[in-house]
């Protein structure tokens, strides 16, 4: 696992503190989403399909720090949209690092090289670069030629300046194990810290709904991938993943986990999003309200139709980390022996009692636009989501 010792120790101490306090639900990673606007319009993305009035909104430095302090999670992941569009992002990162938060700034890297001088290398900052495969696969995933080459150039520049650099790879149903293995070889030779890998989530607002993996396909794909990894490790250095061994074991179908959405709470321009980063089912005004008033048992695989095929790290990594703390010998066995790729898979969670999906996105967005309009902002009632507007910057 490619995570520095200092981060492992601090996160481990935080978890033990929560356990000693008797806290059943606690945050591990704050998903801090300071804007939705992006300079790409990927067909598998459901995070940028908003009217211009909302795409123009930003969380301030003060709001970002307040969210981190209120939540208290030791790790802050900054997704988007594209975070580097935010002019105050260097200040946000600096203030979070000063508070000893481990910051993962998730970026497509198109602006990274241009803004690199505004950041300082530190063990508390990682640039998590989105690369969804090698050049052909990645440029197809982002629907734009040349993005892969520009991202790799920025990765090398950041790496050479001493920054922690991680790759963030999302897999869709066109993924092939052999191609992913070639990508993992590339990542190893590129000299990055590690790779965060996860199947894509079927956002209801994503322009293309044919791209997403179901749970069975996800497990078989990862078994094929890890099988290839074992073969390659005989000749070259192992692949480095920036994830717990038990989460990877879960992806291969060897663990029957339920998601823990409270472990990765989301704060964005609307407020604290219920129930998680992937689902938009309403907002709380504070972190405390989110934790206390969200009906957590209504969500997750087996409980809610929208969660049926989800195996994404922001839902299950927290579960795997908690299991690692509870059962360290099991985790050590998987870490040393590798992911099991043969034999029966763990029993799947039944879906026969899940509640049907509710579609509330349009109502929530219309309410926000009307509020902006009432306050004299540029929005107007009836503004519709605009994919082209999302990509303007």
Protein backbone atom coordinates (compact mmCIF):
# COMPACT_ATOMS: atom_id res chain seq x y z
CA UNK A 1 0.00 0.00 0.00
CA UNK A 2 1.57 3.28 -1.14
CA UNK A 3 0.72 5.49 1.81
CA UNK A 4 3.46 7.23 3.86
CA UNK A 5 4.06 5.95 7.38
CA UNK A 6 3.23 9.34 8.92
CA UNK A 7 -0.20 9.25 7.29
CA UNK A 8 -0.83 5.66 8.37
CA UNK A 9 0.11 6.49 11.96
CA UNK A 10 -2.00 9.64 12.19
CA UNK A 11 -5.04 8.03 10.60
CA UNK A 12 -4.63 4.93 12.75
CA UNK A 13 -4.43 7.05 15.91
CA UNK A 14 -7.53 8.96 14.83
CA UNK A 15 -9.50 5.74 14.31
CA UNK A 16 -8.43 4.33 17.67
CA UNK A 17 -9.50 7.58 19.35
CA UNK A 18 -12.94 7.29 17.76
CA UNK A 19 -13.23 3.67 18.88
CA UNK A 20 -12.22 4.53 22.45
CA UNK A 21 -14.92 7.21 22.47
CA UNK A 22 -17.44 4.58 21.39
CA UNK A 23 -18.27 6.40 18.14
CA UNK A 24 -19.95 4.04 15.71
CA UNK A 25 -20.12 6.55 12.88
CA UNK A 26 -17.28 8.97 12.24
CA UNK A 27 -15.73 10.65 9.19
CA UNK A 28 -12.46 9.40 7.75
CA UNK A 29 -12.20 11.52 4.58
CA UNK A 30 -13.89 14.87 3.98
CA UNK A 31 -14.96 15.21 0.35
CA UNK A 32 -14.55 18.97 -0.03
CA UNK A 33 -16.08 20.06 -3.33
CA UNK A 34 -15.51 23.83 -3.63
CA UNK A 35 -16.98 24.15 -7.13
CA UNK A 36 -18.72 22.13 -9.84
CA UNK A 37 -17.30 23.87 -12.91
CA UNK A 38 -14.80 21.89 -14.98
CA UNK A 39 -12.73 22.41 -18.11
CA UNK A 40 -13.75 18.97 -19.42
CA UNK A 41 -17.18 17.46 -20.11
CA UNK A 42 -16.68 13.72 -19.66
CA UNK A 43 -19.59 11.48 -20.77
CA UNK A 44 -19.43 9.40 -17.56
CA UNK A 45 -19.52 12.39 -15.21
CA UNK A 46 -22.59 13.41 -13.25
CA UNK A 47 -20.99 16.23 -11.24
CA UNK A 48 -21.02 19.14 -13.69
CA UNK A 49 -24.52 19.07 -15.12
CA UNK A 50 -25.76 22.29 -13.50
CA UNK A 51 -27.05 25.69 -14.68
CA UNK A 52 -24.47 28.46 -15.06
CA UNK A 53 -25.69 30.18 -11.90
CA UNK A 54 -24.57 27.18 -9.86
CA UNK A 55 -21.43 26.46 -11.90
CA UNK A 56 -20.30 30.00 -11.09
CA UNK A 57 -20.57 29.44 -7.34
CA UNK A 58 -17.49 28.78 -5.17
CA UNK A 59 -16.85 27.88 -1.56
CA UNK A 60 -14.68 30.54 0.04
CA UNK A 61 -11.43 29.81 1.86
CA UNK A 62 -13.26 30.41 5.14
CA UNK A 63 -16.05 27.99 4.25
CA UNK A 64 -13.56 25.29 3.28
CA UNK A 65 -11.59 25.60 6.53
CA UNK A 66 -14.79 25.73 8.57
CA UNK A 67 -15.94 22.48 6.93
CA UNK A 68 -12.63 20.76 7.73
CA UNK A 69 -12.71 21.93 11.33
CA UNK A 70 -16.36 21.03 11.79
CA UNK A 71 -15.93 17.57 10.29
CA UNK A 72 -12.58 16.76 11.90
CA UNK A 73 -11.56 14.05 9.39
CA UNK A 74 -7.78 13.56 9.10
CA UNK A 75 -7.91 13.41 5.28
CA UNK A 76 -9.43 16.00 2.94
CA UNK A 77 -10.08 15.03 -0.66
CA UNK A 78 -10.74 18.01 -2.95
CA UNK A 79 -12.64 16.91 -6.06
CA UNK A 80 -14.92 18.94 -8.31
CA UNK A 81 -15.42 20.01 -11.03
CA UNK A 82 -11.82 20.96 -11.52
CA UNK A 83 -10.34 22.36 -8.26
CA UNK A 84 -7.52 24.24 -10.00
CA UNK A 85 -10.08 26.52 -11.64
CA UNK A 86 -10.66 27.93 -8.13
CA UNK A 87 -8.35 30.95 -7.87
CA UNK A 88 -7.93 30.55 -4.10
CA UNK A 89 -7.09 26.84 -4.19
CA UNK A 90 -3.43 27.35 -3.14
CA UNK A 91 -4.63 29.26 -0.06
CA UNK A 92 -7.20 26.58 0.76
CA UNK A 93 -4.54 23.88 0.54
CA UNK A 94 -2.05 25.90 2.59
CA UNK A 95 -4.57 26.45 5.39
CA UNK A 96 -5.57 22.78 5.46
CA UNK A 97 -1.93 21.64 5.54
CA UNK A 98 -1.25 24.08 8.38
CA UNK A 99 -3.94 22.19 10.31
CA UNK A 100 -2.16 18.87 9.61
CA UNK A 101 -4.82 17.57 7.23
CA UNK A 102 -3.67 15.17 4.53
CA UNK A 103 -4.92 16.81 1.35
CA UNK A 104 -5.62 14.95 -1.89
CA UNK A 105 -6.18 17.53 -4.61
CA UNK A 106 -8.01 15.67 -7.41
CA UNK A 107 -7.31 17.23 -10.80
CA UNK A 108 -7.35 16.41 -14.50
CA UNK A 109 -3.92 18.16 -14.57
CA UNK A 110 -4.73 20.45 -17.51
CA UNK A 111 -3.91 23.48 -15.33
CA UNK A 112 -1.44 21.80 -12.97
CA UNK A 113 1.85 22.71 -14.62
CA UNK A 114 0.72 26.34 -14.99
CA UNK A 115 -0.14 26.59 -11.26
CA UNK A 116 2.54 24.34 -9.77
CA UNK A 117 4.63 27.25 -8.45
CA UNK A 118 1.72 28.27 -6.21
CA UNK A 119 2.06 25.09 -4.12
CA UNK A 120 4.78 23.79 -1.80
CA UNK A 121 5.84 20.12 -1.57
CA UNK A 122 4.89 18.54 1.76
CA UNK A 123 3.95 15.06 3.00
CA UNK A 124 0.48 16.51 3.66
CA UNK A 125 -0.27 17.31 0.01
CA UNK A 126 -0.87 14.84 -2.81
CA UNK A 127 -1.85 15.70 -6.36
CA UNK A 128 -4.30 12.95 -7.34
CA UNK A 129 -4.33 12.97 -11.13
CA UNK A 130 -7.23 11.50 -13.07
CA UNK A 131 -6.02 9.03 -15.68
CA UNK A 132 -8.59 6.49 -16.79
CA UNK A 133 -6.17 4.26 -18.68
CA UNK A 134 -3.46 4.81 -21.27
CA UNK A 135 -3.65 7.48 -23.95
CA UNK A 136 -6.36 6.01 -26.17
CA UNK A 137 -8.60 4.91 -23.28
CA UNK A 138 -8.15 8.11 -21.27
CA UNK A 139 -8.73 10.53 -24.12
CA UNK A 140 -11.86 8.58 -25.05
CA UNK A 141 -13.07 8.68 -21.42
CA UNK A 142 -12.70 12.48 -21.27
CA UNK A 143 -13.92 12.99 -24.84
CA UNK A 144 -10.93 15.11 -25.81
CA UNK A 145 -7.70 14.34 -27.64
CA UNK A 146 -4.35 15.31 -26.14
CA UNK A 147 -5.45 15.33 -22.49
CA UNK A 148 -3.40 12.24 -21.59
CA UNK A 149 -0.13 13.69 -22.91
CA UNK A 150 -0.68 17.00 -21.14
CA UNK A 151 -1.52 15.24 -17.87
CA UNK A 152 1.56 13.02 -18.03
CA UNK A 153 3.77 16.04 -18.69
CA UNK A 154 2.32 17.75 -15.61
CA UNK A 155 2.75 14.57 -13.53
CA UNK A 156 6.44 14.43 -14.37
CA UNK A 157 6.87 18.10 -13.54
CA UNK A 158 5.18 17.69 -10.14
CA UNK A 159 7.08 14.50 -9.39
CA UNK A 160 10.42 16.08 -10.27
CA UNK A 161 9.71 19.00 -7.93
CA UNK A 162 9.18 16.65 -4.99
CA UNK A 163 5.38 16.59 -4.79
CA UNK A 164 3.49 13.48 -3.81
CA UNK A 165 1.64 12.31 -6.93
CA UNK A 166 -1.07 9.69 -7.11
CA UNK A 167 -3.10 8.45 -10.07
CA UNK A 168 -6.87 8.15 -9.82
CA UNK A 169 -8.30 5.63 -12.29
CA UNK A 170 -12.01 5.02 -12.86
CA UNK A 171 -13.04 1.89 -14.75
CA UNK A 172 -16.07 1.53 -17.01
CA UNK A 173 -17.65 -1.45 -18.75
CA UNK A 174 -15.30 -1.18 -21.74
CA UNK A 175 -12.31 -1.87 -19.48
CA UNK A 176 -10.15 -4.89 -20.30
CA UNK A 177 -7.92 -6.50 -17.68
CA UNK A 178 -4.91 -6.65 -20.00
CA UNK A 179 -5.21 -2.95 -20.86
CA UNK A 180 -5.54 -2.00 -17.18
CA UNK A 181 -2.49 -4.12 -16.39
CA UNK A 182 -0.53 -2.18 -19.03
CA UNK A 183 -1.72 1.04 -17.37
CA UNK A 184 -0.55 -0.22 -13.96
CA UNK A 185 2.85 -1.06 -15.47
CA UNK A 186 2.96 2.46 -16.89
CA UNK A 187 2.09 3.99 -13.50
CA UNK A 188 4.81 1.95 -11.79
CA UNK A 189 7.42 3.05 -14.32
CA UNK A 190 6.20 6.67 -14.16
CA UNK A 191 7.34 6.81 -10.55
CA UNK A 192 4.11 7.96 -8.93
CA UNK A 193 3.29 7.08 -5.34
CA UNK A 194 0.43 4.77 -6.20
CA UNK A 195 -2.91 4.32 -7.94
CA UNK A 196 -6.42 4.73 -6.58
CA UNK A 197 -8.64 2.49 -8.69
CA UNK A 198 -12.40 2.06 -8.59
CA UNK A 199 -15.36 1.18 -10.80
CA UNK A 200 -17.38 4.16 -12.01
CA UNK A 201 -20.66 5.06 -10.36
CA UNK A 202 -23.76 5.31 -12.55
CA UNK A 203 -24.63 8.96 -11.91
CA UNK A 204 -28.25 9.49 -12.89
CA UNK A 205 -27.26 12.73 -14.68
CA UNK A 206 -24.34 11.23 -16.63
CA UNK A 207 -24.89 11.77 -20.39
CA UNK A 208 -24.09 8.13 -21.14
CA UNK A 209 -25.61 5.39 -18.97
CA UNK A 210 -24.16 2.50 -20.96
CA UNK A 211 -20.64 2.91 -19.58
CA UNK A 212 -21.05 1.52 -16.07
CA UNK A 213 -20.08 -1.82 -14.56
CA UNK A 214 -22.44 -3.95 -12.48
CA UNK A 215 -21.18 -5.73 -9.37
CA UNK A 216 -20.61 -9.11 -10.99
CA UNK A 217 -18.64 -7.62 -13.85
CA UNK A 218 -16.62 -5.50 -11.42
CA UNK A 219 -15.56 -8.51 -9.36
CA UNK A 220 -14.61 -10.60 -12.39
CA UNK A 221 -12.67 -7.70 -13.92
CA UNK A 222 -10.64 -7.13 -10.76
CA UNK A 223 -9.94 -10.83 -10.33
CA UNK A 224 -8.58 -10.90 -13.87
CA UNK A 225 -6.52 -7.78 -13.16
CA UNK A 226 -5.03 -9.03 -9.90
CA UNK A 227 -4.25 -12.37 -11.54
CA UNK A 228 -2.22 -10.53 -14.16
CA UNK A 229 -0.58 -8.50 -11.41
CA UNK A 230 0.71 -11.63 -9.73
CA UNK A 231 2.20 -12.85 -13.00
CA UNK A 232 3.92 -9.52 -13.67
CA UNK A 233 5.28 -9.29 -10.12
CA UNK A 234 7.44 -12.35 -10.79
CA UNK A 235 9.45 -10.30 -13.27
CA UNK A 236 9.11 -6.71 -12.07
CA UNK A 237 8.25 -4.70 -9.00
CA UNK A 238 4.70 -5.00 -7.62
CA UNK A 239 2.05 -2.45 -8.52
CA UNK A 240 1.38 0.16 -5.85
CA UNK A 241 -2.21 0.91 -4.87
CA UNK A 242 -3.15 3.86 -2.64
CA UNK A 243 -5.90 1.81 -1.00
CA UNK A 244 -6.25 -0.72 1.78
CA UNK A 245 -5.65 -4.36 0.95
CA UNK A 246 -9.11 -5.29 2.19
CA UNK A 247 -10.81 -2.79 -0.13
CA UNK A 248 -8.98 -4.36 -3.06
CA UNK A 249 -10.03 -7.76 -1.73
CA UNK A 250 -13.61 -6.48 -1.70
CA UNK A 251 -13.35 -5.43 -5.36
CA UNK A 252 -12.31 -8.99 -6.19
CA UNK A 253 -15.45 -10.35 -4.51
CA UNK A 254 -13.77 -11.76 -1.40
CA UNK A 255 -15.41 -9.49 1.20
CA UNK A 256 -19.16 -8.90 1.73
CA UNK A 257 -19.03 -5.28 2.86
CA UNK A 258 -21.81 -2.77 3.32
CA UNK A 259 -20.98 0.84 2.57
CA UNK A 260 -20.36 3.45 5.26
CA UNK A 261 -21.34 6.74 3.58
CA UNK A 262 -20.70 8.77 6.76
CA UNK A 263 -16.99 7.88 6.51
CA UNK A 264 -16.68 10.16 3.43
CA UNK A 265 -19.07 13.10 4.01
CA UNK A 266 -19.36 15.72 1.29
CA UNK A 267 -19.41 19.51 1.66
CA UNK A 268 -20.12 21.48 -1.52
CA UNK A 269 -21.68 24.78 -2.62
CA UNK A 270 -25.14 23.54 -1.59
CA UNK A 271 -24.16 22.43 1.92
CA UNK A 272 -23.54 18.97 3.41
CA UNK A 273 -24.78 16.50 0.80
CA UNK A 274 -26.97 13.55 1.78
CA UNK A 275 -26.03 10.75 1.93
CA UNK A 276 -22.66 10.71 0.15
CA UNK A 277 -20.46 12.12 -2.60
CA UNK A 278 -22.17 9.98 -5.25
CA UNK A 279 -25.82 10.59 -4.39
CA UNK A 280 -27.58 13.94 -4.25
CA UNK A 281 -30.63 13.41 -2.04
CA UNK A 282 -30.74 16.74 -0.23
CA UNK A 283 -28.55 18.81 2.05
CA UNK A 284 -27.91 19.55 5.71
CA UNK A 285 -26.83 22.98 6.98
CA UNK A 286 -24.09 21.56 9.21
CA UNK A 287 -22.01 18.42 9.62
CA UNK A 288 -23.75 17.71 12.92
CA UNK A 289 -27.15 17.91 11.24
CA UNK A 290 -25.94 15.61 8.46
CA UNK A 291 -24.80 12.95 10.92
CA UNK A 292 -27.80 13.18 13.23
CA UNK A 293 -30.71 13.57 10.81
CA UNK A 294 -29.71 11.44 7.80
CA UNK A 295 -31.52 8.09 7.73
CA UNK A 296 -28.38 6.11 6.94
CA UNK A 297 -30.10 2.72 6.90
CA UNK A 298 -32.17 3.84 3.91
CA UNK A 299 -29.06 3.84 1.72
CA UNK A 300 -26.50 1.33 0.50
CA UNK A 301 -26.60 -1.85 -1.55
CA UNK A 302 -29.64 -3.89 -0.58
CA UNK A 303 -31.40 -0.83 0.84
CA UNK A 304 -31.75 1.52 -2.14
CA UNK A 305 -32.05 0.93 -5.87
CA UNK A 306 -29.51 3.63 -6.79
CA UNK A 307 -26.88 1.86 -4.67
CA UNK A 308 -27.38 -1.62 -6.15
CA UNK A 309 -24.20 -1.78 -8.26
CA UNK A 310 -21.99 0.63 -6.31
CA UNK A 311 -18.53 -0.58 -5.27
CA UNK A 312 -16.81 2.81 -5.24
CA UNK A 313 -13.98 3.57 -2.79
CA UNK A 314 -15.71 6.61 -1.27
CA UNK A 315 -18.44 4.27 -0.04
CA UNK A 316 -16.43 1.18 0.86
CA UNK A 317 -12.85 2.21 1.67
CA UNK A 318 -14.01 3.42 5.09
CA UNK A 319 -15.63 0.03 5.70
CA UNK A 320 -12.43 -1.75 4.71
CA UNK A 321 -10.26 0.48 6.92
CA UNK A 322 -12.57 -0.15 9.89
CA UNK A 323 -12.32 -3.91 9.20
CA UNK A 324 -8.53 -3.59 9.03
CA UNK A 325 -8.45 -2.03 12.50
CA UNK A 326 -10.79 -4.69 13.89
CA UNK A 327 -9.04 -7.61 12.20
CA UNK A 328 -5.38 -6.65 11.54
CA UNK A 329 -4.25 -10.26 11.03
CA UNK A 330 -6.81 -10.76 8.26
CA UNK A 331 -5.63 -7.58 6.57
CA UNK A 332 -1.97 -8.59 6.96
CA UNK A 333 -2.69 -11.99 5.41
CA UNK A 334 -4.23 -10.34 2.34
CA UNK A 335 -1.43 -7.76 2.12
CA UNK A 336 1.31 -10.41 2.25
CA UNK A 337 -0.41 -13.20 0.34
CA UNK A 338 -2.10 -11.12 -2.30
CA UNK A 339 -5.71 -10.91 -3.45
CA UNK A 340 -7.43 -14.26 -3.93
CA UNK A 341 -8.44 -14.61 -7.58
CA UNK A 342 -9.86 -18.14 -7.62
CA UNK A 343 -12.66 -19.95 -5.82
CA UNK A 344 -16.07 -18.91 -4.59
CA UNK A 345 -16.87 -15.25 -4.02
CA UNK A 346 -18.39 -13.86 -0.84
CA UNK A 347 -22.18 -14.06 -0.72
CA UNK A 348 -23.77 -11.03 -2.35
CA UNK A 349 -26.19 -8.73 -0.54
CA UNK A 350 -29.78 -9.52 -1.67
CA UNK A 351 -31.64 -6.76 -3.49
CA UNK A 352 -35.20 -7.99 -3.06
CA UNK A 353 -35.99 -5.55 -0.22
CA UNK A 354 -34.36 -2.40 -1.63
CA UNK A 355 -36.58 0.66 -1.91
CA UNK A 356 -37.15 2.18 -5.36
CA UNK A 357 -35.07 5.10 -6.58
CA UNK A 358 -36.26 8.65 -5.98
CA UNK A 359 -35.33 11.38 -8.46
CA UNK A 360 -34.99 14.72 -6.71
CA UNK A 361 -32.13 16.40 -8.60
CA UNK A 362 -34.20 18.80 -10.71
CA UNK A 363 -36.25 19.95 -7.73
CA UNK A 364 -33.13 20.59 -5.63
CA UNK A 365 -31.36 22.49 -8.41
CA UNK A 366 -34.44 24.56 -9.28
CA UNK A 367 -34.72 25.56 -5.63
CA UNK A 368 -31.11 26.68 -5.52
CA UNK A 369 -31.41 28.69 -8.74
CA UNK A 370 -34.53 30.43 -7.44
CA UNK A 371 -32.72 31.29 -4.21
CA UNK A 372 -29.80 32.76 -6.16
CA UNK A 373 -32.26 34.78 -8.26
CA UNK A 374 -34.08 36.02 -5.14
CA UNK A 375 -30.77 37.30 -3.77
CA UNK A 376 -30.06 39.23 -6.96
CA UNK A 377 -27.71 36.68 -8.52
CA UNK A 378 -27.42 35.84 -12.23
CA UNK A 379 -29.61 32.75 -12.07
CA UNK A 380 -33.25 32.75 -13.02
CA UNK A 381 -36.07 30.29 -12.34
CA UNK A 382 -36.23 27.69 -15.09
CA UNK A 383 -32.48 27.67 -15.83
CA UNK A 384 -31.62 24.21 -17.07
CA UNK A 385 -28.46 22.15 -16.63
CA UNK A 386 -25.99 23.01 -19.36
CA UNK A 387 -23.21 20.58 -20.25
CA UNK A 388 -21.52 23.11 -22.52
CA UNK A 389 -21.51 25.70 -19.75
CA UNK A 390 -19.83 23.19 -17.47
CA UNK A 391 -16.84 22.96 -19.76
CA UNK A 392 -16.37 26.70 -20.20
CA UNK A 393 -13.56 28.32 -18.23
